């Protein structure tokens, strides 16, 4: 869809809106009588917007902060750690499309252009994928999340190791109980706040030479699993389905990610869906989120035309996180 009037809320405008609302790239092709946002009374606080609508000149903003895709600082409220945008649902098909556009840049991202595109969700996910700069499979960007499948009723959202060390067999049994009996679905482990040398001295990991003599990579479980240490995700399980466990100890992370996994009936790894709950992000993908994993994914453009679709954008949603930690 082509945007004929490039009217976009600026970050200064966000500060003037009620803190219960998060706005981004409001598409302003409505006239004064039909715009549902205006009818809902949410655009009355900004004289800049009002004048823009009257004159038709429009306002435009470039969000350079998208160069750091961990979050976009908005001026809605930075004092509330639970003030965040609604989750963004990504399925296998979307990630497949994302990988075809992994080289897409993020500098000078224009919200109006991107989010009124033919497939705005794909545009956004492409920028998320570009954060890794190279193929996410190469970096083992995924974490296995099968431990919570089927546990929503019991609210068993974490899995605590009952030994003082990481018990590989115990992890595999837990995964197979949730996702089927295919032991091969676990291919790697990840850790936060860890040091390769300390782990090696404690006989937790081995360093296995790669194809070149001066290159090696850490493994765990007698060389069976590759180990990746990355502090960016803190305690959070991050997943795209490549079968990696993440052991974290950081108290908080800048980026919250939830993963839903549907266990398979027989052999196999089931189905995984990543939910990205960005903190203080500025985007127009708000929608009423009920808290159920499979309900209401990314909205259609027609749904974004309704002002009510944005009213719950900053509600705190206690979505389950899979956290795997060594026992005390």
C-alpha atoms as a PDB file:
ATOM      1  CA  UNK A   1       0.000   0.000   0.000  1.00  0.00           C
ATOM      2  CA  UNK A   2       1.368   3.416  -0.966  1.00  0.00           C
ATOM      3  CA  UNK A   3       1.292   6.071   1.724  1.00  0.00           C
ATOM      4  CA  UNK A   4       0.117   9.299   0.116  1.00  0.00           C
ATOM      5  CA  UNK A   5       0.574  11.498   3.199  1.00  0.00           C
ATOM      6  CA  UNK A   6       3.733  10.836   5.171  1.00  0.00           C
ATOM      7  CA  UNK A   7       2.367  11.758   8.578  1.00  0.00           C
ATOM      8  CA  UNK A   8       4.219   9.897  11.285  1.00  0.00           C
ATOM      9  CA  UNK A   9       4.406  10.425  15.018  1.00  0.00           C
ATOM     10  CA  UNK A  10       7.788  11.638  16.222  1.00  0.00           C
ATOM     11  CA  UNK A  11       9.403  10.561  19.471  1.00  0.00           C
ATOM     12  CA  UNK A  12       8.520  13.957  20.930  1.00  0.00           C
ATOM     13  CA  UNK A  13       4.899  13.264  20.079  1.00  0.00           C
ATOM     14  CA  UNK A  14       5.017   9.974  21.945  1.00  0.00           C
ATOM     15  CA  UNK A  15       5.867  11.822  25.133  1.00  0.00           C
ATOM     16  CA  UNK A  16       2.660  13.830  24.820  1.00  0.00           C
ATOM     17  CA  UNK A  17       0.435  10.777  24.458  1.00  0.00           C
ATOM     18  CA  UNK A  18      -1.004   8.890  27.460  1.00  0.00           C
ATOM     19  CA  UNK A  19       1.526   6.466  28.870  1.00  0.00           C
ATOM     20  CA  UNK A  20      -0.903   3.590  28.359  1.00  0.00           C
ATOM     21  CA  UNK A  21      -0.425   3.884  24.601  1.00  0.00           C
ATOM     22  CA  UNK A  22       2.506   3.035  22.381  1.00  0.00           C
ATOM     23  CA  UNK A  23       2.260   4.447  18.906  1.00  0.00           C
ATOM     24  CA  UNK A  24       4.370   4.155  15.818  1.00  0.00           C
ATOM     25  CA  UNK A  25       3.984   4.966  12.164  1.00  0.00           C
ATOM     26  CA  UNK A  26       0.302   5.848  12.311  1.00  0.00           C
ATOM     27  CA  UNK A  27      -0.841   5.801   8.736  1.00  0.00           C
ATOM     28  CA  UNK A  28      -2.597   9.112   8.142  1.00  0.00           C
ATOM     29  CA  UNK A  29      -4.656   8.753   5.000  1.00  0.00           C
ATOM     30  CA  UNK A  30      -7.948   9.260   6.819  1.00  0.00           C
ATOM     31  CA  UNK A  31      -9.794  12.546   6.701  1.00  0.00           C
ATOM     32  CA  UNK A  32     -10.855  14.285   9.899  1.00  0.00           C
ATOM     33  CA  UNK A  33     -14.207  12.540   9.982  1.00  0.00           C
ATOM     34  CA  UNK A  34     -13.138   8.933   9.459  1.00  0.00           C
ATOM     35  CA  UNK A  35      -9.791   8.525  11.218  1.00  0.00           C
ATOM     36  CA  UNK A  36     -10.515   6.070  14.061  1.00  0.00           C
ATOM     37  CA  UNK A  37      -7.503   7.283  16.029  1.00  0.00           C
ATOM     38  CA  UNK A  38      -8.833  10.823  16.027  1.00  0.00           C
ATOM     39  CA  UNK A  39     -12.325   9.568  16.812  1.00  0.00           C
ATOM     40  CA  UNK A  40     -10.935   7.717  19.823  1.00  0.00           C
ATOM     41  CA  UNK A  41      -9.468  10.963  21.126  1.00  0.00           C
ATOM     42  CA  UNK A  42      -5.874   9.809  21.095  1.00  0.00           C
ATOM     43  CA  UNK A  43      -4.494  12.464  18.769  1.00  0.00           C
ATOM     44  CA  UNK A  44      -5.770  15.498  20.633  1.00  0.00           C
ATOM     45  CA  UNK A  45      -2.715  16.011  22.849  1.00  0.00           C
ATOM     46  CA  UNK A  46      -0.300  17.090  20.155  1.00  0.00           C
ATOM     47  CA  UNK A  47      -0.637  20.454  18.460  1.00  0.00           C
ATOM     48  CA  UNK A  48       2.077  19.395  16.026  1.00  0.00           C
ATOM     49  CA  UNK A  49      -0.016  16.476  14.835  1.00  0.00           C
ATOM     50  CA  UNK A  50      -3.164  18.554  14.787  1.00  0.00           C
ATOM     51  CA  UNK A  51      -1.551  21.251  12.663  1.00  0.00           C
ATOM     52  CA  UNK A  52      -0.104  18.638  10.375  1.00  0.00           C
ATOM     53  CA  UNK A  53      -3.490  17.078   9.821  1.00  0.00           C
ATOM     54  CA  UNK A  54      -4.999  20.474   9.107  1.00  0.00           C
ATOM     55  CA  UNK A  55      -2.372  21.616   6.641  1.00  0.00           C
ATOM     56  CA  UNK A  56      -1.745  18.231   5.110  1.00  0.00           C
ATOM     57  CA  UNK A  57       2.002  18.761   5.163  1.00  0.00           C
ATOM     58  CA  UNK A  58       2.652  15.742   7.349  1.00  0.00           C
ATOM     59  CA  UNK A  59       5.457  14.917   9.753  1.00  0.00           C
ATOM     60  CA  UNK A  60       8.112  12.298   9.298  1.00  0.00           C
ATOM     61  CA  UNK A  61      10.722  10.717  11.512  1.00  0.00           C
ATOM     62  CA  UNK A  62      13.704   8.503  10.914  1.00  0.00           C
ATOM     63  CA  UNK A  63      14.428   6.124  13.796  1.00  0.00           C
ATOM     64  CA  UNK A  64      18.177   5.680  13.716  1.00  0.00           C
ATOM     65  CA  UNK A  65      18.025   3.661  16.944  1.00  0.00           C
ATOM     66  CA  UNK A  66      17.073   0.641  14.879  1.00  0.00           C
ATOM     67  CA  UNK A  67      20.777   0.140  14.341  1.00  0.00           C
ATOM     68  CA  UNK A  68      20.607  -1.432  17.793  1.00  0.00           C
ATOM     69  CA  UNK A  69      17.764  -3.878  17.396  1.00  0.00           C
ATOM     70  CA  UNK A  70      17.722  -4.908  21.025  1.00  0.00           C
ATOM     71  CA  UNK A  71      15.220  -2.148  21.646  1.00  0.00           C
ATOM     72  CA  UNK A  72      14.151   1.268  20.447  1.00  0.00           C
ATOM     73  CA  UNK A  73      14.032   3.875  23.184  1.00  0.00           C
ATOM     74  CA  UNK A  74      10.689   5.611  23.150  1.00  0.00           C
ATOM     75  CA  UNK A  75       9.703   8.552  25.303  1.00  0.00           C
ATOM     76  CA  UNK A  76       6.511   6.970  26.551  1.00  0.00           C
ATOM     77  CA  UNK A  77       7.984   5.831  29.847  1.00  0.00           C
ATOM     78  CA  UNK A  78      11.431   4.571  30.641  1.00  0.00           C
ATOM     79  CA  UNK A  79      10.800   4.242  34.361  1.00  0.00           C
ATOM     80  CA  UNK A  80       8.547   1.193  34.122  1.00  0.00           C
ATOM     81  CA  UNK A  81      10.572  -1.937  33.282  1.00  0.00           C
ATOM     82  CA  UNK A  82       7.399  -3.718  32.171  1.00  0.00           C
ATOM     83  CA  UNK A  83       6.389  -1.074  29.663  1.00  0.00           C
ATOM     84  CA  UNK A  84       6.879  -2.802  26.358  1.00  0.00           C
ATOM     85  CA  UNK A  85       5.253  -3.425  23.046  1.00  0.00           C
ATOM     86  CA  UNK A  86       3.062  -6.400  22.355  1.00  0.00           C
ATOM     87  CA  UNK A  87       4.637  -9.698  21.306  1.00  0.00           C
ATOM     88  CA  UNK A  88       5.468 -10.234  17.670  1.00  0.00           C
ATOM     89  CA  UNK A  89       4.690 -13.710  16.430  1.00  0.00           C
ATOM     90  CA  UNK A  90       7.070 -15.298  13.970  1.00  0.00           C
ATOM     91  CA  UNK A  91       6.534 -18.706  12.446  1.00  0.00           C
ATOM     92  CA  UNK A  92       8.687 -20.912  10.263  1.00  0.00           C
ATOM     93  CA  UNK A  93       7.427 -19.390   7.032  1.00  0.00           C
ATOM     94  CA  UNK A  94       8.275 -15.877   8.182  1.00  0.00           C
ATOM     95  CA  UNK A  95      11.770 -16.830   9.246  1.00  0.00           C
ATOM     96  CA  UNK A  96      12.322 -18.535   5.915  1.00  0.00           C
ATOM     97  CA  UNK A  97      11.416 -15.286   4.199  1.00  0.00           C
ATOM     98  CA  UNK A  98      13.620 -13.347   6.591  1.00  0.00           C
ATOM     99  CA  UNK A  99      16.687 -15.369   5.707  1.00  0.00           C
ATOM    100  CA  UNK A 100      16.248 -14.453   2.058  1.00  0.00           C
ATOM    101  CA  UNK A 101      16.560 -10.802   3.043  1.00  0.00           C
ATOM    102  CA  UNK A 102      19.296 -11.087   5.661  1.00  0.00           C
ATOM    103  CA  UNK A 103      21.352  -8.341   4.063  1.00  0.00           C
ATOM    104  CA  UNK A 104      18.656  -5.700   4.497  1.00  0.00           C
ATOM    105  CA  UNK A 105      20.071  -2.647   6.253  1.00  0.00           C
ATOM    106  CA  UNK A 106      18.663  -0.907   9.292  1.00  0.00           C
ATOM    107  CA  UNK A 107      20.200   2.561   9.066  1.00  0.00           C
ATOM    108  CA  UNK A 108      17.736   5.329   8.332  1.00  0.00           C
ATOM    109  CA  UNK A 109      14.737   3.087   8.751  1.00  0.00           C
ATOM    110  CA  UNK A 110      11.584   5.017   7.933  1.00  0.00           C
ATOM    111  CA  UNK A 111       8.625   3.719   9.895  1.00  0.00           C
ATOM    112  CA  UNK A 112       5.987   5.022   7.509  1.00  0.00           C
ATOM    113  CA  UNK A 113       7.568   3.407   4.487  1.00  0.00           C
ATOM    114  CA  UNK A 114       8.337   0.130   6.182  1.00  0.00           C
ATOM    115  CA  UNK A 115       5.105  -0.437   8.033  1.00  0.00           C
ATOM    116  CA  UNK A 116       2.770   0.512   5.215  1.00  0.00           C
ATOM    117  CA  UNK A 117       4.581  -1.871   2.914  1.00  0.00           C
ATOM    118  CA  UNK A 118       2.859  -4.851   1.372  1.00  0.00           C
ATOM    119  CA  UNK A 119       4.145  -7.138   4.123  1.00  0.00           C
ATOM    120  CA  UNK A 120       5.138  -4.970   7.108  1.00  0.00           C
ATOM    121  CA  UNK A 121       5.717  -7.913   9.421  1.00  0.00           C
ATOM    122  CA  UNK A 122       8.211  -9.436   7.014  1.00  0.00           C
ATOM    123  CA  UNK A 123      10.003  -6.092   6.819  1.00  0.00           C
ATOM    124  CA  UNK A 124      10.337  -5.984  10.582  1.00  0.00           C
ATOM    125  CA  UNK A 125      11.475  -9.592  10.914  1.00  0.00           C
ATOM    126  CA  UNK A 126      14.067  -9.013   8.214  1.00  0.00           C
ATOM    127  CA  UNK A 127      15.572  -6.301  10.372  1.00  0.00           C
ATOM    128  CA  UNK A 128      15.525  -8.599  13.377  1.00  0.00           C
ATOM    129  CA  UNK A 129      17.388 -11.261  11.419  1.00  0.00           C
ATOM    130  CA  UNK A 130      19.891  -8.700  10.212  1.00  0.00           C
ATOM    131  CA  UNK A 131      20.882  -8.108  13.828  1.00  0.00           C
ATOM    132  CA  UNK A 132      22.977 -11.262  13.636  1.00  0.00           C
ATOM    133  CA  UNK A 133      24.547 -10.044  10.359  1.00  0.00           C
ATOM    134  CA  UNK A 134      25.063 -13.603   9.186  1.00  0.00           C
ATOM    135  CA  UNK A 135      22.910 -16.681   8.985  1.00  0.00           C
ATOM    136  CA  UNK A 136      21.258 -17.387  12.334  1.00  0.00           C
ATOM    137  CA  UNK A 137      21.874 -21.098  11.973  1.00  0.00           C
ATOM    138  CA  UNK A 138      25.594 -20.512  11.713  1.00  0.00           C
ATOM    139  CA  UNK A 139      25.530 -18.696  15.015  1.00  0.00           C
ATOM    140  CA  UNK A 140      23.234 -21.287  16.586  1.00  0.00           C
ATOM    141  CA  UNK A 141      20.798 -18.496  17.396  1.00  0.00           C
ATOM    142  CA  UNK A 142      18.148 -20.915  18.551  1.00  0.00           C
ATOM    143  CA  UNK A 143      17.418 -22.493  21.878  1.00  0.00           C
ATOM    144  CA  UNK A 144      15.314 -25.573  22.385  1.00  0.00           C
ATOM    145  CA  UNK A 145      12.110 -24.658  24.190  1.00  0.00           C
ATOM    146  CA  UNK A 146      10.275 -27.959  24.534  1.00  0.00           C
ATOM    147  CA  UNK A 147      10.226 -27.933  28.320  1.00  0.00           C
ATOM    148  CA  UNK A 148       7.125 -25.755  28.568  1.00  0.00           C
ATOM    149  CA  UNK A 149       4.931 -27.376  25.936  1.00  0.00           C
ATOM    150  CA  UNK A 150       1.800 -28.643  27.610  1.00  0.00           C
ATOM    151  CA  UNK A 151       2.676 -27.101  30.975  1.00  0.00           C
ATOM    152  CA  UNK A 152       0.627 -23.916  30.684  1.00  0.00           C
ATOM    153  CA  UNK A 153      -2.161 -25.211  32.916  1.00  0.00           C
ATOM    154  CA  UNK A 154       0.235 -26.221  35.664  1.00  0.00           C
ATOM    155  CA  UNK A 155       2.158 -22.970  35.177  1.00  0.00           C
ATOM    156  CA  UNK A 156       5.364 -24.954  35.123  1.00  0.00           C
ATOM    157  CA  UNK A 157       7.293 -22.491  33.051  1.00  0.00           C
ATOM    158  CA  UNK A 158      10.815 -23.184  34.245  1.00  0.00           C
ATOM    159  CA  UNK A 159      12.934 -26.263  34.521  1.00  0.00           C
ATOM    160  CA  UNK A 160      15.397 -26.345  37.404  1.00  0.00           C
ATOM    161  CA  UNK A 161      18.257 -28.802  37.247  1.00  0.00           C
ATOM    162  CA  UNK A 162      18.318 -30.893  40.426  1.00  0.00           C
ATOM    163  CA  UNK A 163      22.058 -31.465  40.299  1.00  0.00           C
ATOM    164  CA  UNK A 164      24.949 -29.084  40.774  1.00  0.00           C
ATOM    165  CA  UNK A 165      26.148 -29.594  37.250  1.00  0.00           C
ATOM    166  CA  UNK A 166      24.522 -29.662  33.860  1.00  0.00           C
ATOM    167  CA  UNK A 167      23.211 -33.180  33.425  1.00  0.00           C
ATOM    168  CA  UNK A 168      23.102 -33.808  29.688  1.00  0.00           C
ATOM    169  CA  UNK A 169      21.075 -37.003  29.985  1.00  0.00           C
ATOM    170  CA  UNK A 170      18.552 -35.293  32.231  1.00  0.00           C
ATOM    171  CA  UNK A 171      18.104 -32.490  29.726  1.00  0.00           C
ATOM    172  CA  UNK A 172      17.613 -34.922  26.872  1.00  0.00           C
ATOM    173  CA  UNK A 173      15.005 -36.864  28.829  1.00  0.00           C
ATOM    174  CA  UNK A 174      13.090 -33.690  29.593  1.00  0.00           C
ATOM    175  CA  UNK A 175      13.180 -32.618  25.971  1.00  0.00           C
ATOM    176  CA  UNK A 176      12.054 -35.982  24.674  1.00  0.00           C
ATOM    177  CA  UNK A 177       9.180 -36.047  27.155  1.00  0.00           C
ATOM    178  CA  UNK A 178       7.932 -32.769  25.705  1.00  0.00           C
ATOM    179  CA  UNK A 179       8.789 -32.936  22.047  1.00  0.00           C
ATOM    180  CA  UNK A 180       8.932 -36.578  21.067  1.00  0.00           C
ATOM    181  CA  UNK A 181      11.561 -39.278  21.171  1.00  0.00           C
ATOM    182  CA  UNK A 182      14.093 -37.921  18.713  1.00  0.00           C
ATOM    183  CA  UNK A 183      17.307 -37.541  20.725  1.00  0.00           C
ATOM    184  CA  UNK A 184      18.958 -35.764  17.838  1.00  0.00           C
ATOM    185  CA  UNK A 185      16.934 -32.591  18.277  1.00  0.00           C
ATOM    186  CA  UNK A 186      19.420 -31.213  20.800  1.00  0.00           C
ATOM    187  CA  UNK A 187      22.503 -30.065  18.918  1.00  0.00           C
ATOM    188  CA  UNK A 188      24.071 -27.333  21.031  1.00  0.00           C
ATOM    189  CA  UNK A 189      24.165 -25.619  24.408  1.00  0.00           C
ATOM    190  CA  UNK A 190      24.426 -21.944  25.278  1.00  0.00           C
ATOM    191  CA  UNK A 191      25.460 -20.128  28.438  1.00  0.00           C
ATOM    192  CA  UNK A 192      25.357 -16.595  29.769  1.00  0.00           C
ATOM    193  CA  UNK A 193      27.876 -15.020  32.145  1.00  0.00           C
ATOM    194  CA  UNK A 194      30.361 -17.833  31.632  1.00  0.00           C
ATOM    195  CA  UNK A 195      34.051 -18.013  30.888  1.00  0.00           C
ATOM    196  CA  UNK A 196      35.447 -20.602  28.503  1.00  0.00           C
ATOM    197  CA  UNK A 197      38.660 -21.066  30.474  1.00  0.00           C
ATOM    198  CA  UNK A 198      36.864 -21.501  33.804  1.00  0.00           C
ATOM    199  CA  UNK A 199      34.567 -24.092  32.287  1.00  0.00           C
ATOM    200  CA  UNK A 200      37.463 -25.956  30.737  1.00  0.00           C
ATOM    201  CA  UNK A 201      39.435 -26.012  33.996  1.00  0.00           C
ATOM    202  CA  UNK A 202      36.361 -27.414  35.728  1.00  0.00           C
ATOM    203  CA  UNK A 203      36.204 -30.185  33.125  1.00  0.00           C
ATOM    204  CA  UNK A 204      32.777 -28.974  32.010  1.00  0.00           C
ATOM    205  CA  UNK A 205      33.816 -28.356  28.414  1.00  0.00           C
ATOM    206  CA  UNK A 206      36.425 -29.521  25.939  1.00  0.00           C
ATOM    207  CA  UNK A 207      38.018 -27.560  23.123  1.00  0.00           C
ATOM    208  CA  UNK A 208      37.779 -29.499  19.890  1.00  0.00           C
ATOM    209  CA  UNK A 209      40.030 -28.417  16.994  1.00  0.00           C
ATOM    210  CA  UNK A 210      38.206 -27.229  13.912  1.00  0.00           C
ATOM    211  CA  UNK A 211      39.405 -27.613  10.338  1.00  0.00           C
ATOM    212  CA  UNK A 212      42.312 -25.253  11.000  1.00  0.00           C
ATOM    213  CA  UNK A 213      44.848 -26.072  13.698  1.00  0.00           C
ATOM    214  CA  UNK A 214      44.655 -22.618  15.254  1.00  0.00           C
ATOM    215  CA  UNK A 215      40.863 -22.630  15.529  1.00  0.00           C
ATOM    216  CA  UNK A 216      38.817 -24.552  18.056  1.00  0.00           C
ATOM    217  CA  UNK A 217      35.333 -24.522  19.486  1.00  0.00           C
ATOM    218  CA  UNK A 218      34.052 -25.465  22.915  1.00  0.00           C
ATOM    219  CA  UNK A 219      31.968 -28.573  23.409  1.00  0.00           C
ATOM    220  CA  UNK A 220      30.026 -30.043  26.293  1.00  0.00           C
ATOM    221  CA  UNK A 221      28.932 -33.595  27.018  1.00  0.00           C
ATOM    222  CA  UNK A 222      32.114 -35.394  25.932  1.00  0.00           C
ATOM    223  CA  UNK A 223      32.316 -33.452  22.711  1.00  0.00           C
ATOM    224  CA  UNK A 224      28.736 -34.168  21.695  1.00  0.00           C
ATOM    225  CA  UNK A 225      27.359 -30.602  21.817  1.00  0.00           C
ATOM    226  CA  UNK A 226      28.817 -27.315  20.721  1.00  0.00           C
ATOM    227  CA  UNK A 227      28.802 -24.617  23.408  1.00  0.00           C
ATOM    228  CA  UNK A 228      28.028 -20.980  22.666  1.00  0.00           C
ATOM    229  CA  UNK A 229      28.444 -18.253  25.291  1.00  0.00           C
ATOM    230  CA  UNK A 230      26.437 -15.106  24.700  1.00  0.00           C
ATOM    231  CA  UNK A 231      25.374 -12.609  27.376  1.00  0.00           C
ATOM    232  CA  UNK A 232      22.933 -10.666  25.244  1.00  0.00           C
ATOM    233  CA  UNK A 233      19.988 -12.855  26.103  1.00  0.00           C
ATOM    234  CA  UNK A 234      20.406 -13.171  29.861  1.00  0.00           C
ATOM    235  CA  UNK A 235      18.096 -15.775  31.344  1.00  0.00           C
ATOM    236  CA  UNK A 236      15.845 -15.841  28.328  1.00  0.00           C
ATOM    237  CA  UNK A 237      15.448 -18.806  26.056  1.00  0.00           C
ATOM    238  CA  UNK A 238      15.790 -17.661  22.455  1.00  0.00           C
ATOM    239  CA  UNK A 239      14.601 -19.993  19.744  1.00  0.00           C
ATOM    240  CA  UNK A 240      14.343 -20.471  16.025  1.00  0.00           C
ATOM    241  CA  UNK A 241      14.169 -24.234  16.085  1.00  0.00           C
ATOM    242  CA  UNK A 242      17.748 -25.407  15.601  1.00  0.00           C
ATOM    243  CA  UNK A 243      17.796 -27.250  18.915  1.00  0.00           C
ATOM    244  CA  UNK A 244      19.949 -25.393  21.418  1.00  0.00           C
ATOM    245  CA  UNK A 245      19.617 -25.150  25.191  1.00  0.00           C
ATOM    246  CA  UNK A 246      20.587 -21.932  26.918  1.00  0.00           C
ATOM    247  CA  UNK A 247      21.755 -21.804  30.522  1.00  0.00           C
ATOM    248  CA  UNK A 248      21.531 -18.290  31.927  1.00  0.00           C
ATOM    249  CA  UNK A 249      22.262 -16.513  35.183  1.00  0.00           C
ATOM    250  CA  UNK A 250      21.927 -12.820  34.336  1.00  0.00           C
ATOM    251  CA  UNK A 251      19.189 -11.205  36.472  1.00  0.00           C
ATOM    252  CA  UNK A 252      17.616  -9.279  33.612  1.00  0.00           C
ATOM    253  CA  UNK A 253      18.002  -9.053  29.885  1.00  0.00           C
ATOM    254  CA  UNK A 254      17.491  -6.139  27.569  1.00  0.00           C
ATOM    255  CA  UNK A 255      15.480  -8.227  25.163  1.00  0.00           C
ATOM    256  CA  UNK A 256      12.638 -10.548  26.166  1.00  0.00           C
ATOM    257  CA  UNK A 257      11.892 -13.509  23.950  1.00  0.00           C
ATOM    258  CA  UNK A 258       9.355 -16.261  24.442  1.00  0.00           C
ATOM    259  CA  UNK A 259       9.160 -19.441  22.429  1.00  0.00           C
ATOM    260  CA  UNK A 260       6.149 -21.690  22.080  1.00  0.00           C
ATOM    261  CA  UNK A 261       6.754 -25.325  21.233  1.00  0.00           C
ATOM    262  CA  UNK A 262       4.151 -27.895  20.267  1.00  0.00           C
ATOM    263  CA  UNK A 263       5.415 -31.383  21.017  1.00  0.00           C
ATOM    264  CA  UNK A 264       5.277 -33.969  18.288  1.00  0.00           C
ATOM    265  CA  UNK A 265       3.084 -37.037  18.540  1.00  0.00           C
ATOM    266  CA  UNK A 266       5.946 -39.338  17.595  1.00  0.00           C
ATOM    267  CA  UNK A 267       9.478 -38.788  16.453  1.00  0.00           C
ATOM    268  CA  UNK A 268      10.562 -35.297  15.611  1.00  0.00           C
ATOM    269  CA  UNK A 269      10.984 -31.917  17.215  1.00  0.00           C
ATOM    270  CA  UNK A 270       7.456 -30.564  16.938  1.00  0.00           C
ATOM    271  CA  UNK A 271       6.563 -27.016  15.987  1.00  0.00           C
ATOM    272  CA  UNK A 272       8.149 -23.881  17.413  1.00  0.00           C
ATOM    273  CA  UNK A 273       7.008 -20.275  17.337  1.00  0.00           C
ATOM    274  CA  UNK A 274       9.117 -17.369  18.585  1.00  0.00           C
ATOM    275  CA  UNK A 275       7.416 -14.478  20.365  1.00  0.00           C
ATOM    276  CA  UNK A 276       9.454 -11.280  20.511  1.00  0.00           C
ATOM    277  CA  UNK A 277       8.373  -8.929  23.303  1.00  0.00           C
ATOM    278  CA  UNK A 278      10.468  -5.859  22.651  1.00  0.00           C
ATOM    279  CA  UNK A 279      10.895  -3.306  25.403  1.00  0.00           C
ATOM    280  CA  UNK A 280       9.767   0.236  24.625  1.00  0.00           C
ATOM    281  CA  UNK A 281       9.711  -0.418  20.916  1.00  0.00           C
ATOM    282  CA  UNK A 282       8.010   2.072  18.627  1.00  0.00           C
ATOM    283  CA  UNK A 283       5.984   0.252  16.012  1.00  0.00           C
ATOM    284  CA  UNK A 284       2.398  -0.062  14.786  1.00  0.00           C
ATOM    285  CA  UNK A 285       2.013  -3.773  15.357  1.00  0.00           C
ATOM    286  CA  UNK A 286      -0.094  -3.429  18.492  1.00  0.00           C
ATOM    287  CA  UNK A 287      -3.068  -5.728  18.906  1.00  0.00           C
ATOM    288  CA  UNK A 288      -5.219  -7.163  21.645  1.00  0.00           C
ATOM    289  CA  UNK A 289      -3.211 -10.003  23.107  1.00  0.00           C
ATOM    290  CA  UNK A 290      -5.129 -12.499  25.217  1.00  0.00           C
ATOM    291  CA  UNK A 291      -2.149 -14.332  26.661  1.00  0.00           C
ATOM    292  CA  UNK A 292      -2.784 -17.569  24.782  1.00  0.00           C
ATOM    293  CA  UNK A 293       0.209 -18.704  22.761  1.00  0.00           C
ATOM    294  CA  UNK A 294      -1.587 -19.422  19.537  1.00  0.00           C
ATOM    295  CA  UNK A 295      -4.096 -16.562  19.578  1.00  0.00           C
ATOM    296  CA  UNK A 296      -4.005 -13.442  17.453  1.00  0.00           C
ATOM    297  CA  UNK A 297      -0.709 -13.357  15.660  1.00  0.00           C
ATOM    298  CA  UNK A 298       0.447 -10.391  13.629  1.00  0.00           C
ATOM    299  CA  UNK A 299      -2.573  -8.297  12.653  1.00  0.00           C
ATOM    300  CA  UNK A 300      -3.746  -7.622   9.135  1.00  0.00           C
ATOM    301  CA  UNK A 301      -3.532  -4.056   7.867  1.00  0.00           C
ATOM    302  CA  UNK A 302      -7.283  -3.616   8.231  1.00  0.00           C
ATOM    303  CA  UNK A 303      -6.961  -4.466  11.911  1.00  0.00           C
ATOM    304  CA  UNK A 304      -4.344  -1.757  12.302  1.00  0.00           C
ATOM    305  CA  UNK A 305      -6.853   0.820  11.105  1.00  0.00           C
ATOM    306  CA  UNK A 306      -8.837   0.387  14.308  1.00  0.00           C
ATOM    307  CA  UNK A 307      -7.730   2.561  17.212  1.00  0.00           C
ATOM    308  CA  UNK A 308      -8.741  -0.060  19.777  1.00  0.00           C
ATOM    309  CA  UNK A 309      -6.069  -2.382  18.392  1.00  0.00           C
ATOM    310  CA  UNK A 310      -3.475  -0.213  20.105  1.00  0.00           C
ATOM    311  CA  UNK A 311      -5.028   0.329  23.507  1.00  0.00           C
ATOM    312  CA  UNK A 312      -3.383  -2.697  25.151  1.00  0.00           C
ATOM    313  CA  UNK A 313       0.038  -2.199  23.648  1.00  0.00           C
ATOM    314  CA  UNK A 314       1.822  -1.507  26.926  1.00  0.00           C
ATOM    315  CA  UNK A 315      -0.020  -3.912  29.202  1.00  0.00           C
ATOM    316  CA  UNK A 316       2.370  -6.086  31.187  1.00  0.00           C
ATOM    317  CA  UNK A 317       1.984  -9.634  29.933  1.00  0.00           C
ATOM    318  CA  UNK A 318       3.515 -12.299  32.142  1.00  0.00           C
ATOM    319  CA  UNK A 319       4.363 -14.689  29.348  1.00  0.00           C
ATOM    320  CA  UNK A 320       6.179 -17.845  30.396  1.00  0.00           C
ATOM    321  CA  UNK A 321       9.904 -17.958  29.873  1.00  0.00           C
ATOM    322  CA  UNK A 322      11.859 -21.180  29.711  1.00  0.00           C
ATOM    323  CA  UNK A 323      14.831 -20.827  32.025  1.00  0.00           C
ATOM    324  CA  UNK A 324      17.320 -23.629  32.471  1.00  0.00           C
ATOM    325  CA  UNK A 325      19.716 -23.170  35.377  1.00  0.00           C
ATOM    326  CA  UNK A 326      22.134 -25.375  37.258  1.00  0.00           C
ATOM    327  CA  UNK A 327      20.804 -26.447  40.634  1.00  0.00           C
ATOM    328  CA  UNK A 328      21.949 -24.643  43.770  1.00  0.00           C
END
